[in-house]
Amino acid sequence: MGAHRSLGQTILAAFRQAVAEDRPDVADHLLRALETLEAEPMPGSPLAEAYTALAKIPRRRRRPRQTH
């Protein structure tokens, strides 16, 4: 088995993947899970890293509505 990761690190990895795959709905749920694990983001913690990643995401461009 691979190196041991904490639950917070595992959720952070999933959060980063959700962001990379343009799934803000999933990323939001994962961020809430990190917020549940940690009361306050400590420097270097998974929650602090997630907040840092959020700050680096450019504002999303609006997608045109699809018509059927």
PDB file of N, CA and C in Angstrom:
ATOM      1  N   MET A   1       0.836  -1.173   0.000  1.00  0.00           N
ATOM      2  CA  MET A   1       0.000   0.000   0.000  1.00  0.00           C
ATOM      3  C   MET A   1       0.885   1.242   0.000  1.00  0.00           C
ATOM      4  N   GLY A   2       0.385   2.389  -0.496  1.00  0.00           N
ATOM      5  CA  GLY A   2       1.157   3.616  -0.595  1.00  0.00           C
ATOM      6  C   GLY A   2       1.380   4.262   0.755  1.00  0.00           C
ATOM      7  N   ALA A   3       2.003   5.415   0.721  1.00  0.00           N
ATOM      8  CA  ALA A   3       2.286   6.159   1.945  1.00  0.00           C
ATOM      9  C   ALA A   3       0.981   6.529   2.644  1.00  0.00           C
ATOM     10  N   HIS A   4       1.030   6.543   3.960  1.00  0.00           N
ATOM     11  CA  HIS A   4      -0.142   6.881   4.770  1.00  0.00           C
ATOM     12  C   HIS A   4      -0.465   8.360   4.620  1.00  0.00           C
ATOM     13  N   ARG A   5      -1.727   8.656   4.357  1.00  0.00           N
ATOM     14  CA  ARG A   5      -2.192  10.038   4.291  1.00  0.00           C
ATOM     15  C   ARG A   5      -3.315  10.212   5.298  1.00  0.00           C
ATOM     16  N   SER A   6      -3.385  11.402   5.859  1.00  0.00           N
ATOM     17  CA  SER A   6      -4.486  11.689   6.776  1.00  0.00           C
ATOM     18  C   SER A   6      -5.774  11.875   5.973  1.00  0.00           C
ATOM     19  N   LEU A   7      -6.876  11.802   6.658  1.00  0.00           N
ATOM     20  CA  LEU A   7      -8.158  12.032   6.014  1.00  0.00           C
ATOM     21  C   LEU A   7      -8.188  13.418   5.374  1.00  0.00           C
ATOM     22  N   GLY A   8      -7.660  14.411   6.072  1.00  0.00           N
ATOM     23  CA  GLY A   8      -7.624  15.770   5.528  1.00  0.00           C
ATOM     24  C   GLY A   8      -6.834  15.846   4.232  1.00  0.00           C
ATOM     25  N   GLN A   9      -5.698  15.158   4.169  1.00  0.00           N
ATOM     26  CA  GLN A   9      -4.884  15.157   2.950  1.00  0.00           C
ATOM     27  C   GLN A   9      -5.615  14.450   1.804  1.00  0.00           C
ATOM     28  N   THR A  10      -6.328  13.394   2.114  1.00  0.00           N
ATOM     29  CA  THR A  10      -7.087  12.671   1.097  1.00  0.00           C
ATOM     30  C   THR A  10      -8.206  13.540   0.548  1.00  0.00           C
ATOM     31  N   ILE A  11      -8.908  14.231   1.430  1.00  0.00           N
ATOM     32  CA  ILE A  11      -9.983  15.129   0.993  1.00  0.00           C
ATOM     33  C   ILE A  11      -9.401  16.283   0.188  1.00  0.00           C
ATOM     34  N   LEU A  12      -8.258  16.817   0.622  1.00  0.00           N
ATOM     35  CA  LEU A  12      -7.610  17.897  -0.124  1.00  0.00           C
ATOM     36  C   LEU A  12      -7.254  17.446  -1.538  1.00  0.00           C
ATOM     37  N   ALA A  13      -6.741  16.238  -1.682  1.00  0.00           N
ATOM     38  CA  ALA A  13      -6.403  15.716  -3.011  1.00  0.00           C
ATOM     39  C   ALA A  13      -7.660  15.622  -3.886  1.00  0.00           C
ATOM     40  N   ALA A  14      -8.765  15.164  -3.305  1.00  0.00           N
ATOM     41  CA  ALA A  14     -10.023  15.078  -4.043  1.00  0.00           C
ATOM     42  C   ALA A  14     -10.537  16.482  -4.389  1.00  0.00           C
ATOM     43  N   PHE A  15     -10.372  17.437  -3.470  1.00  0.00           N
ATOM     44  CA  PHE A  15     -10.766  18.827  -3.719  1.00  0.00           C
ATOM     45  C   PHE A  15      -9.998  19.374  -4.915  1.00  0.00           C
ATOM     46  N   ARG A  16      -8.683  19.162  -4.931  1.00  0.00           N
ATOM     47  CA  ARG A  16      -7.863  19.654  -6.045  1.00  0.00           C
ATOM     48  C   ARG A  16      -8.282  19.011  -7.365  1.00  0.00           C
ATOM     49  N   GLN A  17      -8.620  17.733  -7.328  1.00  0.00           N
ATOM     50  CA  GLN A  17      -9.066  17.065  -8.540  1.00  0.00           C
ATOM     51  C   GLN A  17     -10.398  17.636  -9.013  1.00  0.00           C
ATOM     52  N   ALA A  18     -11.307  17.893  -8.095  1.00  0.00           N
ATOM     53  CA  ALA A  18     -12.604  18.483  -8.455  1.00  0.00           C
ATOM     54  C   ALA A  18     -12.414  19.850  -9.101  1.00  0.00           C
ATOM     55  N   VAL A  19     -11.504  20.649  -8.551  1.00  0.00           N
ATOM     56  CA  VAL A  19     -11.216  21.959  -9.142  1.00  0.00           C
ATOM     57  C   VAL A  19     -10.628  21.785 -10.536  1.00  0.00           C
ATOM     58  N   ALA A  20      -9.679  20.871 -10.685  1.00  0.00           N
ATOM     59  CA  ALA A  20      -9.027  20.639 -11.972  1.00  0.00           C
ATOM     60  C   ALA A  20     -10.020  20.148 -13.029  1.00  0.00           C
ATOM     61  N   GLU A  21     -11.018  19.396 -12.593  1.00  0.00           N
ATOM     62  CA  GLU A  21     -12.021  18.857 -13.514  1.00  0.00           C
ATOM     63  C   GLU A  21     -13.226  19.780 -13.655  1.00  0.00           C
ATOM     64  N   ASP A  22     -13.096  21.020 -13.145  1.00  0.00           N
ATOM     65  CA  ASP A  22     -14.154  22.029 -13.256  1.00  0.00           C
ATOM     66  C   ASP A  22     -15.475  21.542 -12.666  1.00  0.00           C
ATOM     67  N   ARG A  23     -15.377  21.016 -11.440  1.00  0.00           N
ATOM     68  CA  ARG A  23     -16.556  20.558 -10.712  1.00  0.00           C
ATOM     69  C   ARG A  23     -16.694  21.348  -9.414  1.00  0.00           C
ATOM     70  N   PRO A  24     -17.096  22.623  -9.508  1.00  0.00           N
ATOM     71  CA  PRO A  24     -17.204  23.442  -8.301  1.00  0.00           C
ATOM     72  C   PRO A  24     -18.230  22.914  -7.307  1.00  0.00           C
ATOM     73  N   ASP A  25     -19.243  22.208  -7.798  1.00  0.00           N
ATOM     74  CA  ASP A  25     -20.245  21.644  -6.899  1.00  0.00           C
ATOM     75  C   ASP A  25     -19.620  20.604  -5.979  1.00  0.00           C
ATOM     76  N   VAL A  26     -18.769  19.761  -6.528  1.00  0.00           N
ATOM     77  CA  VAL A  26     -18.087  18.735  -5.740  1.00  0.00           C
ATOM     78  C   VAL A  26     -17.025  19.384  -4.848  1.00  0.00           C
ATOM     79  N   ALA A  27     -16.283  20.341  -5.411  1.00  0.00           N
ATOM     80  CA  ALA A  27     -15.253  21.032  -4.630  1.00  0.00           C
ATOM     81  C   ALA A  27     -15.858  21.693  -3.395  1.00  0.00           C
ATOM     82  N   ASP A  28     -17.051  22.256  -3.541  1.00  0.00           N
ATOM     83  CA  ASP A  28     -17.717  22.905  -2.404  1.00  0.00           C
ATOM     84  C   ASP A  28     -18.010  21.901  -1.293  1.00  0.00           C
ATOM     85  N   HIS A  29     -18.494  20.731  -1.643  1.00  0.00           N
ATOM     86  CA  HIS A  29     -18.766  19.702  -0.632  1.00  0.00           C
ATOM     87  C   HIS A  29     -17.479  19.266   0.071  1.00  0.00           C
ATOM     88  N   LEU A  30     -16.417  19.105  -0.712  1.00  0.00           N
ATOM     89  CA  LEU A  30     -15.145  18.684  -0.125  1.00  0.00           C
ATOM     90  C   LEU A  30     -14.564  19.771   0.776  1.00  0.00           C
ATOM     91  N   LEU A  31     -14.736  21.035   0.387  1.00  0.00           N
ATOM     92  CA  LEU A  31     -14.274  22.132   1.243  1.00  0.00           C
ATOM     93  C   LEU A  31     -15.033  22.120   2.570  1.00  0.00           C
ATOM     94  N   ARG A  32     -16.312  21.859   2.507  1.00  0.00           N
ATOM     95  CA  ARG A  32     -17.108  21.785   3.745  1.00  0.00           C
ATOM     96  C   ARG A  32     -16.646  20.635   4.630  1.00  0.00           C
ATOM     97  N   ALA A  33     -16.248  19.531   4.004  1.00  0.00           N
ATOM     98  CA  ALA A  33     -15.716  18.415   4.787  1.00  0.00           C
ATOM     99  C   ALA A  33     -14.431  18.823   5.496  1.00  0.00           C
ATOM    100  N   LEU A  34     -13.557  19.543   4.794  1.00  0.00           N
ATOM    101  CA  LEU A  34     -12.323  20.019   5.435  1.00  0.00           C
ATOM    102  C   LEU A  34     -12.636  20.986   6.568  1.00  0.00           C
ATOM    103  N   GLU A  35     -13.621  21.852   6.361  1.00  0.00           N
ATOM    104  CA  GLU A  35     -14.008  22.796   7.416  1.00  0.00           C
ATOM    105  C   GLU A  35     -14.578  22.060   8.629  1.00  0.00           C
ATOM    106  N   THR A  36     -15.210  20.927   8.411  1.00  0.00           N
ATOM    107  CA  THR A  36     -15.736  20.124   9.511  1.00  0.00           C
ATOM    108  C   THR A  36     -14.605  19.471  10.301  1.00  0.00           C
ATOM    109  N   LEU A  37     -13.554  19.055   9.597  1.00  0.00           N
ATOM    110  CA  LEU A  37     -12.407  18.423  10.259  1.00  0.00           C
ATOM    111  C   LEU A  37     -11.584  19.408  11.088  1.00  0.00           C
ATOM    112  N   GLU A  38     -11.485  20.638  10.616  1.00  0.00           N
ATOM    113  CA  GLU A  38     -10.627  21.634  11.274  1.00  0.00           C
ATOM    114  C   GLU A  38     -11.447  22.847  11.688  1.00  0.00           C
ATOM    115  N   ALA A  39     -11.359  23.219  12.932  1.00  0.00           N
ATOM    116  CA  ALA A  39     -12.082  24.398  13.395  1.00  0.00           C
ATOM    117  C   ALA A  39     -11.475  25.680  12.813  1.00  0.00           C
ATOM    118  N   GLU A  40     -10.160  25.743  12.776  1.00  0.00           N
ATOM    119  CA  GLU A  40      -9.433  26.906  12.252  1.00  0.00           C
ATOM    120  C   GLU A  40      -8.339  26.411  11.318  1.00  0.00           C
ATOM    121  N   PRO A  41      -8.157  27.064  10.174  1.00  0.00           N
ATOM    122  CA  PRO A  41      -7.080  26.640   9.282  1.00  0.00           C
ATOM    123  C   PRO A  41      -5.711  27.027   9.836  1.00  0.00           C
ATOM    124  N   MET A  42      -4.931  26.032  10.174  1.00  0.00           N
ATOM    125  CA  MET A  42      -3.566  26.270  10.642  1.00  0.00           C
ATOM    126  C   MET A  42      -2.655  26.334   9.424  1.00  0.00           C
ATOM    127  N   PRO A  43      -1.593  27.145   9.457  1.00  0.00           N
ATOM    128  CA  PRO A  43      -0.691  27.213   8.302  1.00  0.00           C
ATOM    129  C   PRO A  43      -0.205  25.821   7.899  1.00  0.00           C
ATOM    130  N   GLY A  44      -0.317  25.527   6.610  1.00  0.00           N
ATOM    131  CA  GLY A  44       0.122  24.238   6.093  1.00  0.00           C
ATOM    132  C   GLY A  44      -0.892  23.121   6.224  1.00  0.00           C
ATOM    133  N   SER A  45      -2.018  23.386   6.871  1.00  0.00           N
ATOM    134  CA  SER A  45      -3.043  22.346   7.038  1.00  0.00           C
ATOM    135  C   SER A  45      -3.798  22.154   5.722  1.00  0.00           C
ATOM    136  N   PRO A  46      -4.474  21.015   5.565  1.00  0.00           N
ATOM    137  CA  PRO A  46      -5.262  20.812   4.348  1.00  0.00           C
ATOM    138  C   PRO A  46      -6.293  21.919   4.103  1.00  0.00           C
ATOM    139  N   LEU A  47      -6.939  22.405   5.158  1.00  0.00           N
ATOM    140  CA  LEU A  47      -7.923  23.469   4.989  1.00  0.00           C
ATOM    141  C   LEU A  47      -7.259  24.752   4.512  1.00  0.00           C
ATOM    142  N   ALA A  48      -6.126  25.108   5.095  1.00  0.00           N
ATOM    143  CA  ALA A  48      -5.409  26.308   4.660  1.00  0.00           C
ATOM    144  C   ALA A  48      -4.968  26.170   3.206  1.00  0.00           C
ATOM    145  N   GLU A  49      -4.524  24.979   2.826  1.00  0.00           N
ATOM    146  CA  GLU A  49      -4.107  24.752   1.443  1.00  0.00           C
ATOM    147  C   GLU A  49      -5.302  24.853   0.490  1.00  0.00           C
ATOM    148  N   ALA A  50      -6.458  24.381   0.903  1.00  0.00           N
ATOM    149  CA  ALA A  50      -7.653  24.484   0.067  1.00  0.00           C
ATOM    150  C   ALA A  50      -8.055  25.943  -0.106  1.00  0.00           C
ATOM    151  N   TYR A  51      -8.018  26.722   0.972  1.00  0.00           N
ATOM    152  CA  TYR A  51      -8.337  28.153   0.866  1.00  0.00           C
ATOM    153  C   TYR A  51      -7.341  28.859  -0.054  1.00  0.00           C
ATOM    154  N   THR A  52      -6.074  28.498   0.029  1.00  0.00           N
ATOM    155  CA  THR A  52      -5.061  29.088  -0.856  1.00  0.00           C
ATOM    156  C   THR A  52      -5.355  28.728  -2.309  1.00  0.00           C
ATOM    157  N   ALA A  53      -5.715  27.482  -2.547  1.00  0.00           N
ATOM    158  CA  ALA A  53      -6.049  27.054  -3.906  1.00  0.00           C
ATOM    159  C   ALA A  53      -7.262  27.814  -4.438  1.00  0.00           C
ATOM    160  N   LEU A  54      -8.259  28.037  -3.585  1.00  0.00           N
ATOM    161  CA  LEU A  54      -9.444  28.791  -4.001  1.00  0.00           C
ATOM    162  C   LEU A  54      -9.084  30.207  -4.410  1.00  0.00           C
ATOM    163  N   ALA A  55      -8.177  30.814  -3.676  1.00  0.00           N
ATOM    164  CA  ALA A  55      -7.786  32.193  -3.973  1.00  0.00           C
ATOM    165  C   ALA A  55      -7.085  32.304  -5.326  1.00  0.00           C
ATOM    166  N   LYS A  56      -6.500  31.217  -5.794  1.00  0.00           N
ATOM    167  CA  LYS A  56      -5.764  31.230  -7.059  1.00  0.00           C
ATOM    168  C   LYS A  56      -6.634  30.912  -8.270  1.00  0.00           C
ATOM    169  N   ILE A  57      -7.878  30.493  -8.046  1.00  0.00           N
ATOM    170  CA  ILE A  57      -8.760  30.138  -9.158  1.00  0.00           C
ATOM    171  C   ILE A  57      -9.300  31.424  -9.776  1.00  0.00           C
ATOM    172  N   PRO A  58      -9.097  31.610 -11.094  1.00  0.00           N
ATOM    173  CA  PRO A  58      -9.650  32.809 -11.730  1.00  0.00           C
ATOM    174  C   PRO A  58     -11.171  32.756 -11.741  1.00  0.00           C
ATOM    175  N   ARG A  59     -11.769  33.923 -11.776  1.00  0.00           N
ATOM    176  CA  ARG A  59     -13.230  33.955 -11.826  1.00  0.00           C
ATOM    177  C   ARG A  59     -13.703  33.204 -13.054  1.00  0.00           C
ATOM    178  N   ARG A  60     -14.703  32.423 -12.848  1.00  0.00           N
ATOM    179  CA  ARG A  60     -15.214  31.601 -13.949  1.00  0.00           C
ATOM    180  C   ARG A  60     -15.917  32.470 -14.980  1.00  0.00           C
ATOM    181  N   ARG A  61     -15.670  32.139 -16.227  1.00  0.00           N
ATOM    182  CA  ARG A  61     -16.407  32.799 -17.300  1.00  0.00           C
ATOM    183  C   ARG A  61     -17.785  32.175 -17.361  1.00  0.00           C
ATOM    184  N   ARG A  62     -18.757  32.978 -17.650  1.00  0.00           N
ATOM    185  CA  ARG A  62     -20.109  32.441 -17.761  1.00  0.00           C
ATOM    186  C   ARG A  62     -20.211  31.600 -19.013  1.00  0.00           C
ATOM    187  N   ARG A  63     -20.814  30.490 -18.856  1.00  0.00           N
ATOM    188  CA  ARG A  63     -21.031  29.609 -20.000  1.00  0.00           C
ATOM    189  C   ARG A  63     -22.353  29.984 -20.663  1.00  0.00           C
ATOM    190  N   PRO A  64     -22.377  29.965 -21.980  1.00  0.00           N
ATOM    191  CA  PRO A  64     -23.651  30.251 -22.640  1.00  0.00           C
ATOM    192  C   PRO A  64     -24.683  29.179 -22.324  1.00  0.00           C
ATOM    193  N   ARG A  65     -25.901  29.585 -22.202  1.00  0.00           N
ATOM    194  CA  ARG A  65     -26.962  28.624 -21.931  1.00  0.00           C
ATOM    195  C   ARG A  65     -27.178  27.761 -23.157  1.00  0.00           C
ATOM    196  N   GLN A  66     -27.388  26.499 -22.891  1.00  0.00           N
ATOM    197  CA  GLN A  66     -27.664  25.586 -23.990  1.00  0.00           C
ATOM    198  C   GLN A  66     -29.162  25.586 -24.258  1.00  0.00           C
ATOM    199  N   THR A  67     -29.507  25.636 -25.521  1.00  0.00           N
ATOM    200  CA  THR A  67     -30.921  25.571 -25.881  1.00  0.00           C
ATOM    201  C   THR A  67     -31.177  24.225 -26.535  1.00  0.00           C
ATOM    202  N   HIS A  68     -32.337  23.702 -26.274  1.00  0.00           N
ATOM    203  CA  HIS A  68     -32.691  22.384 -26.823  1.00  0.00           C
ATOM    204  C   HIS A  68     -33.767  22.533 -27.839  1.00  0.00           C
TER     205      HIS A  68
END
